[in-house]
Amino acid sequence: MTENEARASLVDTARRMTPLGINTGRAGNVSLRWHRGGEDGLLVTPSALAYERTTIDDIVWLALAAPQGEDPLADSPRRAHGTRAPSSEWRLHRDLYATRSDAQAIVHAHPAHATALACLPRIHAEGIPAFHYMIAVAGGDDIRCAPYATFGTKALSDHARRALEGRRACLLAQHGAVALGTSLEAALELAVEVETLARMYWLALQLGEPARLDAAAMAEVHARFARYRPDPG
């Protein structure tokens, strides 16, 4: 895949988020790990630009290495290459790639049901529990919720990084959701699955307290996923 093809894939993925029901307006952002000239980096969608107006020329490349003494509240990275400013969540993407060698793509969105749940103290404490076996698709026995921090800050990326330890997706308190994947398609598919599970859990909560699968049941699910879903995204 050429860089222009990668940029086109990012634009396409970003535009698909709203029709798939995981995003609205200019919210959310998408990135792809991308080496340039032998240097580790990433391509990310630009800041504050409507996706229908975004073109491949608006995509921004960032170096993966964080410079020493970087301001944890900086609005822009020191090493960004593009005609536009990168997404306000550039740090979230960069810091996750730096600590997750398995992540090749990241989708961050504000899906309605996942975000609504991420506003509840019970979800802050326990995440979305194993009420359904497909919770395992995110990599664990629950879908964790990272504590709240202001968007674009190092505190947010630190919280997300910890919530994603051993996982492929998490909620962000009072904010949204993040999904990692081995490809843009895989990350997008997982983000959609997380929103589907959040909607199911929200619906079940309207009728009472959902039953939960125990650790043994979830262990069997993980084992079967390892056999039947060799590329979980």
C-alpha atoms as a PDB file:
ATOM      1  CA  MET A   1       0.000   0.000   0.000  1.00  0.00           C
ATOM      2  CA  THR A   2       1.342   3.417  -0.951  1.00  0.00           C
ATOM      3  CA  GLU A   3       1.062   6.402   1.368  1.00  0.00           C
ATOM      4  CA  ASN A   4      -1.648   7.955  -0.788  1.00  0.00           C
ATOM      5  CA  GLU A   5      -3.594   4.686  -0.613  1.00  0.00           C
ATOM      6  CA  ALA A   6      -3.183   4.709   3.172  1.00  0.00           C
ATOM      7  CA  ARG A   7      -4.432   8.287   3.314  1.00  0.00           C
ATOM      8  CA  ALA A   8      -7.440   7.377   1.176  1.00  0.00           C
ATOM      9  CA  SER A   9      -8.219   4.477   3.523  1.00  0.00           C
ATOM     10  CA  LEU A  10      -8.175   6.851   6.493  1.00  0.00           C
ATOM     11  CA  VAL A  11     -10.572   9.251   4.788  1.00  0.00           C
ATOM     12  CA  ASP A  12     -12.882   6.381   3.848  1.00  0.00           C
ATOM     13  CA  THR A  13     -12.836   4.951   7.384  1.00  0.00           C
ATOM     14  CA  ALA A  14     -13.575   8.338   8.940  1.00  0.00           C
ATOM     15  CA  ARG A  15     -16.502   8.883   6.581  1.00  0.00           C
ATOM     16  CA  ARG A  16     -17.964   5.463   7.366  1.00  0.00           C
ATOM     17  CA  MET A  17     -18.215   6.105  11.113  1.00  0.00           C
ATOM     18  CA  THR A  18     -21.425   8.145  10.948  1.00  0.00           C
ATOM     19  CA  PRO A  19     -23.370   5.792   8.619  1.00  0.00           C
ATOM     20  CA  LEU A  20     -22.313   2.907  10.868  1.00  0.00           C
ATOM     21  CA  GLY A  21     -23.815   4.693  13.867  1.00  0.00           C
ATOM     22  CA  ILE A  22     -20.692   5.268  15.947  1.00  0.00           C
ATOM     23  CA  ASN A  23     -20.104   8.967  15.385  1.00  0.00           C
ATOM     24  CA  THR A  24     -21.713  12.298  14.508  1.00  0.00           C
ATOM     25  CA  GLY A  25     -20.453  15.547  13.035  1.00  0.00           C
ATOM     26  CA  ARG A  26     -16.729  16.252  13.304  1.00  0.00           C
ATOM     27  CA  ALA A  27     -16.195  14.155  16.417  1.00  0.00           C
ATOM     28  CA  GLY A  28     -13.822  11.214  16.551  1.00  0.00           C
ATOM     29  CA  ASN A  29     -10.556  10.543  14.769  1.00  0.00           C
ATOM     30  CA  VAL A  30      -8.797   7.733  12.941  1.00  0.00           C
ATOM     31  CA  SER A  31      -5.135   6.828  12.528  1.00  0.00           C
ATOM     32  CA  LEU A  32      -2.838   4.287  10.910  1.00  0.00           C
ATOM     33  CA  ARG A  33       0.694   3.326  11.911  1.00  0.00           C
ATOM     34  CA  TRP A  34       2.944   4.494   9.082  1.00  0.00           C
ATOM     35  CA  HIS A  35       6.717   4.424   8.658  1.00  0.00           C
ATOM     36  CA  ARG A  36       8.201   7.217   6.607  1.00  0.00           C
ATOM     37  CA  GLY A  37      11.837   7.352   5.546  1.00  0.00           C
ATOM     38  CA  GLY A  38      12.743   4.635   8.031  1.00  0.00           C
ATOM     39  CA  GLU A  39      11.153   6.526  10.929  1.00  0.00           C
ATOM     40  CA  ASP A  40       8.263   5.196  13.002  1.00  0.00           C
ATOM     41  CA  GLY A  41       5.178   7.350  12.830  1.00  0.00           C
ATOM     42  CA  LEU A  42       1.477   7.522  12.105  1.00  0.00           C
ATOM     43  CA  LEU A  43      -1.019   9.097   9.761  1.00  0.00           C
ATOM     44  CA  VAL A  44      -3.998  10.743  11.463  1.00  0.00           C
ATOM     45  CA  THR A  45      -7.104  12.643  10.441  1.00  0.00           C
ATOM     46  CA  PRO A  46      -6.970  16.455  10.773  1.00  0.00           C
ATOM     47  CA  SER A  47      -8.543  18.617  13.448  1.00  0.00           C
ATOM     48  CA  ALA A  48     -11.954  20.297  13.113  1.00  0.00           C
ATOM     49  CA  LEU A  49     -12.571  19.373   9.491  1.00  0.00           C
ATOM     50  CA  ALA A  50     -15.837  17.780   8.384  1.00  0.00           C
ATOM     51  CA  TYR A  51     -15.144  14.295   7.089  1.00  0.00           C
ATOM     52  CA  GLU A  52     -17.071  14.839   3.863  1.00  0.00           C
ATOM     53  CA  ARG A  53     -14.661  17.699   3.111  1.00  0.00           C
ATOM     54  CA  THR A  54     -11.528  15.813   4.134  1.00  0.00           C
ATOM     55  CA  THR A  55      -9.172  14.733   1.342  1.00  0.00           C
ATOM     56  CA  ILE A  56      -5.967  12.718   1.325  1.00  0.00           C
ATOM     57  CA  ASP A  57      -3.991  15.982   1.364  1.00  0.00           C
ATOM     58  CA  ASP A  58      -5.499  16.877   4.754  1.00  0.00           C
ATOM     59  CA  ILE A  59      -4.121  13.787   6.503  1.00  0.00           C
ATOM     60  CA  VAL A  60      -1.209  14.554   8.843  1.00  0.00           C
ATOM     61  CA  TRP A  61       1.916  12.470   9.518  1.00  0.00           C
ATOM     62  CA  LEU A  62       3.425  12.467  13.029  1.00  0.00           C
ATOM     63  CA  ALA A  63       6.671  11.028  14.323  1.00  0.00           C
ATOM     64  CA  LEU A  64       6.081   8.339  16.929  1.00  0.00           C
ATOM     65  CA  ALA A  65       8.917   9.377  19.231  1.00  0.00           C
ATOM     66  CA  ALA A  66       7.912  12.008  21.789  1.00  0.00           C
ATOM     67  CA  PRO A  67      10.552  14.743  22.178  1.00  0.00           C
ATOM     68  CA  GLN A  68      12.113  15.273  25.581  1.00  0.00           C
ATOM     69  CA  GLY A  69      10.450  17.951  27.644  1.00  0.00           C
ATOM     70  CA  GLU A  70       7.235  17.901  25.648  1.00  0.00           C
ATOM     71  CA  ASP A  71       4.459  19.948  27.250  1.00  0.00           C
ATOM     72  CA  PRO A  72       1.789  17.459  28.450  1.00  0.00           C
ATOM     73  CA  LEU A  73      -0.865  20.055  27.566  1.00  0.00           C
ATOM     74  CA  ALA A  74       0.549  20.993  24.149  1.00  0.00           C
ATOM     75  CA  ASP A  75      -2.093  21.451  21.466  1.00  0.00           C
ATOM     76  CA  SER A  76       0.197  20.356  18.627  1.00  0.00           C
ATOM     77  CA  PRO A  77       3.129  17.932  18.390  1.00  0.00           C
ATOM     78  CA  ARG A  78       6.547  19.341  17.577  1.00  0.00           C
ATOM     79  CA  ARG A  79       7.017  16.952  14.692  1.00  0.00           C
ATOM     80  CA  ALA A  80       3.926  17.016  12.507  1.00  0.00           C
ATOM     81  CA  HIS A  81       3.974  17.160   8.719  1.00  0.00           C
ATOM     82  CA  GLY A  82       0.904  18.317   6.831  1.00  0.00           C
ATOM     83  CA  THR A  83      -1.072  21.286   5.615  1.00  0.00           C
ATOM     84  CA  ARG A  84      -3.478  21.080   8.557  1.00  0.00           C
ATOM     85  CA  ALA A  85      -3.253  20.600  12.297  1.00  0.00           C
ATOM     86  CA  PRO A  86      -3.583  16.973  13.399  1.00  0.00           C
ATOM     87  CA  SER A  87      -6.594  15.758  15.346  1.00  0.00           C
ATOM     88  CA  SER A  88      -6.827  17.187  18.852  1.00  0.00           C
ATOM     89  CA  GLU A  89      -6.402  13.583  20.030  1.00  0.00           C
ATOM     90  CA  TRP A  90      -3.049  13.131  18.252  1.00  0.00           C
ATOM     91  CA  ARG A  91      -1.381  12.379  21.587  1.00  0.00           C
ATOM     92  CA  LEU A  92      -3.827   9.559  22.354  1.00  0.00           C
ATOM     93  CA  HIS A  93      -3.006   7.883  19.052  1.00  0.00           C
ATOM     94  CA  ARG A  94       0.743   8.455  19.268  1.00  0.00           C
ATOM     95  CA  ASP A  95       1.062   7.233  22.860  1.00  0.00           C
ATOM     96  CA  LEU A  96      -0.988   4.107  22.177  1.00  0.00           C
ATOM     97  CA  TYR A  97       1.147   3.161  19.172  1.00  0.00           C
ATOM     98  CA  ALA A  98       4.276   3.748  21.251  1.00  0.00           C
ATOM     99  CA  THR A  99       3.168   1.175  23.829  1.00  0.00           C
ATOM    100  CA  ARG A 100       1.150  -1.242  21.680  1.00  0.00           C
ATOM    101  CA  SER A 101       3.240  -2.852  18.957  1.00  0.00           C
ATOM    102  CA  ASP A 102       0.217  -4.965  17.989  1.00  0.00           C
ATOM    103  CA  ALA A 103      -1.854  -1.904  17.073  1.00  0.00           C
ATOM    104  CA  GLN A 104      -1.682  -0.930  13.421  1.00  0.00           C
ATOM    105  CA  ALA A 105      -4.818   1.233  13.392  1.00  0.00           C
ATOM    106  CA  ILE A 106      -6.921   3.151  15.909  1.00  0.00           C
ATOM    107  CA  VAL A 107     -10.517   4.330  15.722  1.00  0.00           C
ATOM    108  CA  HIS A 108     -11.745   6.821  18.326  1.00  0.00           C
ATOM    109  CA  ALA A 109     -15.411   7.785  18.186  1.00  0.00           C
ATOM    110  CA  HIS A 110     -18.292   9.117  20.274  1.00  0.00           C
ATOM    111  CA  PRO A 111     -20.934   6.377  19.840  1.00  0.00           C
ATOM    112  CA  ALA A 112     -24.186   7.266  21.595  1.00  0.00           C
ATOM    113  CA  HIS A 113     -24.772   4.182  23.771  1.00  0.00           C
ATOM    114  CA  ALA A 114     -21.123   3.558  24.666  1.00  0.00           C
ATOM    115  CA  THR A 115     -20.707   7.223  25.572  1.00  0.00           C
ATOM    116  CA  ALA A 116     -23.928   7.271  27.598  1.00  0.00           C
ATOM    117  CA  LEU A 117     -22.740   4.272  29.608  1.00  0.00           C
ATOM    118  CA  ALA A 118     -19.341   5.945  30.038  1.00  0.00           C
ATOM    119  CA  CYS A 119     -21.116   8.717  31.971  1.00  0.00           C
ATOM    120  CA  LEU A 120     -22.326   6.313  34.697  1.00  0.00           C
ATOM    121  CA  PRO A 121     -20.378   5.808  37.952  1.00  0.00           C
ATOM    122  CA  ARG A 122     -21.100   2.051  37.881  1.00  0.00           C
ATOM    123  CA  ILE A 123     -19.405   1.814  34.467  1.00  0.00           C
ATOM    124  CA  HIS A 124     -16.472   3.877  35.712  1.00  0.00           C
ATOM    125  CA  ALA A 125     -16.056   1.289  38.465  1.00  0.00           C
ATOM    126  CA  GLU A 126     -16.633  -1.973  36.608  1.00  0.00           C
ATOM    127  CA  GLY A 127     -16.858  -1.257  32.886  1.00  0.00           C
ATOM    128  CA  ILE A 128     -19.300  -3.213  30.752  1.00  0.00           C
ATOM    129  CA  PRO A 129     -19.321  -6.666  32.384  1.00  0.00           C
ATOM    130  CA  ALA A 130     -19.575 -10.074  30.732  1.00  0.00           C
ATOM    131  CA  PHE A 131     -23.354  -9.974  30.217  1.00  0.00           C
ATOM    132  CA  HIS A 132     -22.787 -11.367  26.694  1.00  0.00           C
ATOM    133  CA  TYR A 133     -20.041 -13.632  25.380  1.00  0.00           C
ATOM    134  CA  MET A 134     -19.052 -11.135  22.665  1.00  0.00           C
ATOM    135  CA  ILE A 135     -17.552  -8.915  25.365  1.00  0.00           C
ATOM    136  CA  ALA A 136     -14.496 -11.117  24.763  1.00  0.00           C
ATOM    137  CA  VAL A 137     -13.984  -9.489  21.364  1.00  0.00           C
ATOM    138  CA  ALA A 138     -12.413  -6.534  23.192  1.00  0.00           C
ATOM    139  CA  GLY A 139      -9.819  -8.863  24.695  1.00  0.00           C
ATOM    140  CA  GLY A 140     -11.010  -9.485  28.244  1.00  0.00           C
ATOM    141  CA  ASP A 141     -13.910 -10.377  30.521  1.00  0.00           C
ATOM    142  CA  ASP A 142     -15.220  -6.815  30.505  1.00  0.00           C
ATOM    143  CA  ILE A 143     -14.827  -3.602  28.553  1.00  0.00           C
ATOM    144  CA  ARG A 144     -13.042  -1.203  30.851  1.00  0.00           C
ATOM    145  CA  CYS A 145     -13.753   2.495  31.182  1.00  0.00           C
ATOM    146  CA  ALA A 146     -10.756   4.821  31.431  1.00  0.00           C
ATOM    147  CA  PRO A 147     -11.127   7.632  34.005  1.00  0.00           C
ATOM    148  CA  TYR A 148     -12.036  11.080  32.752  1.00  0.00           C
ATOM    149  CA  ALA A 149      -9.380  13.536  31.625  1.00  0.00           C
ATOM    150  CA  THR A 150      -9.575  16.568  29.349  1.00  0.00           C
ATOM    151  CA  PHE A 151      -9.418  15.692  25.666  1.00  0.00           C
ATOM    152  CA  GLY A 152      -6.037  16.010  23.992  1.00  0.00           C
ATOM    153  CA  THR A 153      -4.012  15.764  27.210  1.00  0.00           C
ATOM    154  CA  LYS A 154      -1.332  13.340  28.313  1.00  0.00           C
ATOM    155  CA  ALA A 155      -3.563  12.433  31.262  1.00  0.00           C
ATOM    156  CA  LEU A 156      -6.195  11.124  28.857  1.00  0.00           C
ATOM    157  CA  SER A 157      -3.721   9.068  26.848  1.00  0.00           C
ATOM    158  CA  ASP A 158      -2.227   7.677  30.079  1.00  0.00           C
ATOM    159  CA  HIS A 159      -5.672   6.645  31.335  1.00  0.00           C
ATOM    160  CA  ALA A 160      -6.543   5.041  28.001  1.00  0.00           C
ATOM    161  CA  ARG A 161      -3.238   3.214  27.820  1.00  0.00           C
ATOM    162  CA  ARG A 162      -3.831   1.646  31.240  1.00  0.00           C
ATOM    163  CA  ALA A 163      -7.445   0.734  30.433  1.00  0.00           C
ATOM    164  CA  LEU A 164      -6.235  -0.966  27.243  1.00  0.00           C
ATOM    165  CA  GLU A 165      -3.598  -3.127  28.915  1.00  0.00           C
ATOM    166  CA  GLY A 166      -4.331  -6.611  27.604  1.00  0.00           C
ATOM    167  CA  ARG A 167      -7.367  -5.265  25.737  1.00  0.00           C
ATOM    168  CA  ARG A 168      -8.264  -4.045  22.258  1.00  0.00           C
ATOM    169  CA  ALA A 169     -10.996  -1.553  23.152  1.00  0.00           C
ATOM    170  CA  CYS A 170     -12.147   0.593  26.046  1.00  0.00           C
ATOM    171  CA  LEU A 171     -14.562   3.350  26.947  1.00  0.00           C
ATOM    172  CA  LEU A 172     -13.417   6.837  27.922  1.00  0.00           C
ATOM    173  CA  ALA A 173     -15.382   8.339  30.814  1.00  0.00           C
ATOM    174  CA  GLN A 174     -17.656  11.223  29.764  1.00  0.00           C
ATOM    175  CA  HIS A 175     -16.113  11.053  26.302  1.00  0.00           C
ATOM    176  CA  GLY A 176     -16.398   8.050  23.977  1.00  0.00           C
ATOM    177  CA  ALA A 177     -14.618   4.850  22.985  1.00  0.00           C
ATOM    178  CA  VAL A 178     -11.329   3.678  21.478  1.00  0.00           C
ATOM    179  CA  ALA A 179     -10.675   0.543  19.416  1.00  0.00           C
ATOM    180  CA  LEU A 180      -7.348  -0.879  18.239  1.00  0.00           C
ATOM    181  CA  GLY A 181      -6.880  -3.154  15.255  1.00  0.00           C
ATOM    182  CA  THR A 182      -4.426  -4.904  12.998  1.00  0.00           C
ATOM    183  CA  SER A 183      -5.961  -2.855  10.177  1.00  0.00           C
ATOM    184  CA  LEU A 184      -8.339   0.062   9.757  1.00  0.00           C
ATOM    185  CA  GLU A 185     -11.130  -2.345   8.854  1.00  0.00           C
ATOM    186  CA  ALA A 186     -10.501  -4.410  11.997  1.00  0.00           C
ATOM    187  CA  ALA A 187     -10.412  -1.342  14.261  1.00  0.00           C
ATOM    188  CA  LEU A 188     -13.614   0.010  12.720  1.00  0.00           C
ATOM    189  CA  GLU A 189     -15.351  -3.362  13.043  1.00  0.00           C
ATOM    190  CA  LEU A 190     -14.382  -3.549  16.711  1.00  0.00           C
ATOM    191  CA  ALA A 191     -15.604  -0.006  17.378  1.00  0.00           C
ATOM    192  CA  VAL A 192     -18.970  -0.940  15.874  1.00  0.00           C
ATOM    193  CA  GLU A 193     -19.097  -4.128  17.968  1.00  0.00           C
ATOM    194  CA  VAL A 194     -18.385  -2.176  21.164  1.00  0.00           C
ATOM    195  CA  GLU A 195     -21.272   0.189  20.397  1.00  0.00           C
ATOM    196  CA  THR A 196     -23.551  -2.780  19.633  1.00  0.00           C
ATOM    197  CA  LEU A 197     -22.674  -4.363  22.977  1.00  0.00           C
ATOM    198  CA  ALA A 198     -23.177  -1.044  24.772  1.00  0.00           C
ATOM    199  CA  ARG A 199     -26.634  -0.728  23.221  1.00  0.00           C
ATOM    200  CA  MET A 200     -27.523  -4.307  24.230  1.00  0.00           C
ATOM    201  CA  TYR A 201     -26.345  -3.688  27.793  1.00  0.00           C
ATOM    202  CA  TRP A 202     -28.272  -0.416  28.006  1.00  0.00           C
ATOM    203  CA  LEU A 203     -31.434  -2.178  26.793  1.00  0.00           C
ATOM    204  CA  ALA A 204     -30.969  -5.038  29.257  1.00  0.00           C
ATOM    205  CA  LEU A 205     -30.530  -2.561  32.115  1.00  0.00           C
ATOM    206  CA  GLN A 206     -33.982  -1.134  31.347  1.00  0.00           C
ATOM    207  CA  LEU A 207     -35.472  -4.512  32.324  1.00  0.00           C
ATOM    208  CA  GLY A 208     -33.358  -5.212  35.390  1.00  0.00           C
ATOM    209  CA  GLU A 209     -29.867  -6.383  36.268  1.00  0.00           C
ATOM    210  CA  PRO A 210     -28.406  -8.531  33.447  1.00  0.00           C
ATOM    211  CA  ALA A 211     -27.018 -11.949  34.327  1.00  0.00           C
ATOM    212  CA  ARG A 212     -23.268 -12.319  33.915  1.00  0.00           C
ATOM    213  CA  LEU A 213     -21.086 -15.060  32.507  1.00  0.00           C
ATOM    214  CA  ASP A 214     -18.548 -16.353  35.008  1.00  0.00           C
ATOM    215  CA  ALA A 215     -14.783 -16.532  34.512  1.00  0.00           C
ATOM    216  CA  ALA A 216     -14.902 -20.170  33.386  1.00  0.00           C
ATOM    217  CA  ALA A 217     -17.467 -19.428  30.690  1.00  0.00           C
ATOM    218  CA  MET A 218     -15.458 -16.479  29.435  1.00  0.00           C
ATOM    219  CA  ALA A 219     -12.248 -18.507  29.451  1.00  0.00           C
ATOM    220  CA  GLU A 220     -13.920 -20.980  27.097  1.00  0.00           C
ATOM    221  CA  VAL A 221     -15.012 -18.115  24.848  1.00  0.00           C
ATOM    222  CA  HIS A 222     -11.466 -16.749  24.707  1.00  0.00           C
ATOM    223  CA  ALA A 223     -10.158 -20.217  23.847  1.00  0.00           C
ATOM    224  CA  ARG A 224     -12.681 -20.601  21.047  1.00  0.00           C
ATOM    225  CA  PHE A 225     -11.932 -17.120  19.735  1.00  0.00           C
ATOM    226  CA  ALA A 226      -8.251 -18.061  19.590  1.00  0.00           C
ATOM    227  CA  ARG A 227      -9.171 -20.990  17.343  1.00  0.00           C
ATOM    228  CA  TYR A 228     -11.912 -19.471  15.231  1.00  0.00           C
ATOM    229  CA  ARG A 229     -10.903 -15.803  15.198  1.00  0.00           C
ATOM    230  CA  PRO A 230      -7.136 -15.914  14.597  1.00  0.00           C
ATOM    231  CA  ASP A 231      -7.108 -12.232  13.611  1.00  0.00           C
ATOM    232  CA  PRO A 232      -9.334 -10.576  16.237  1.00  0.00           C
ATOM    233  CA  GLY A 233      -8.374  -7.096  15.098  1.00  0.00           C
END
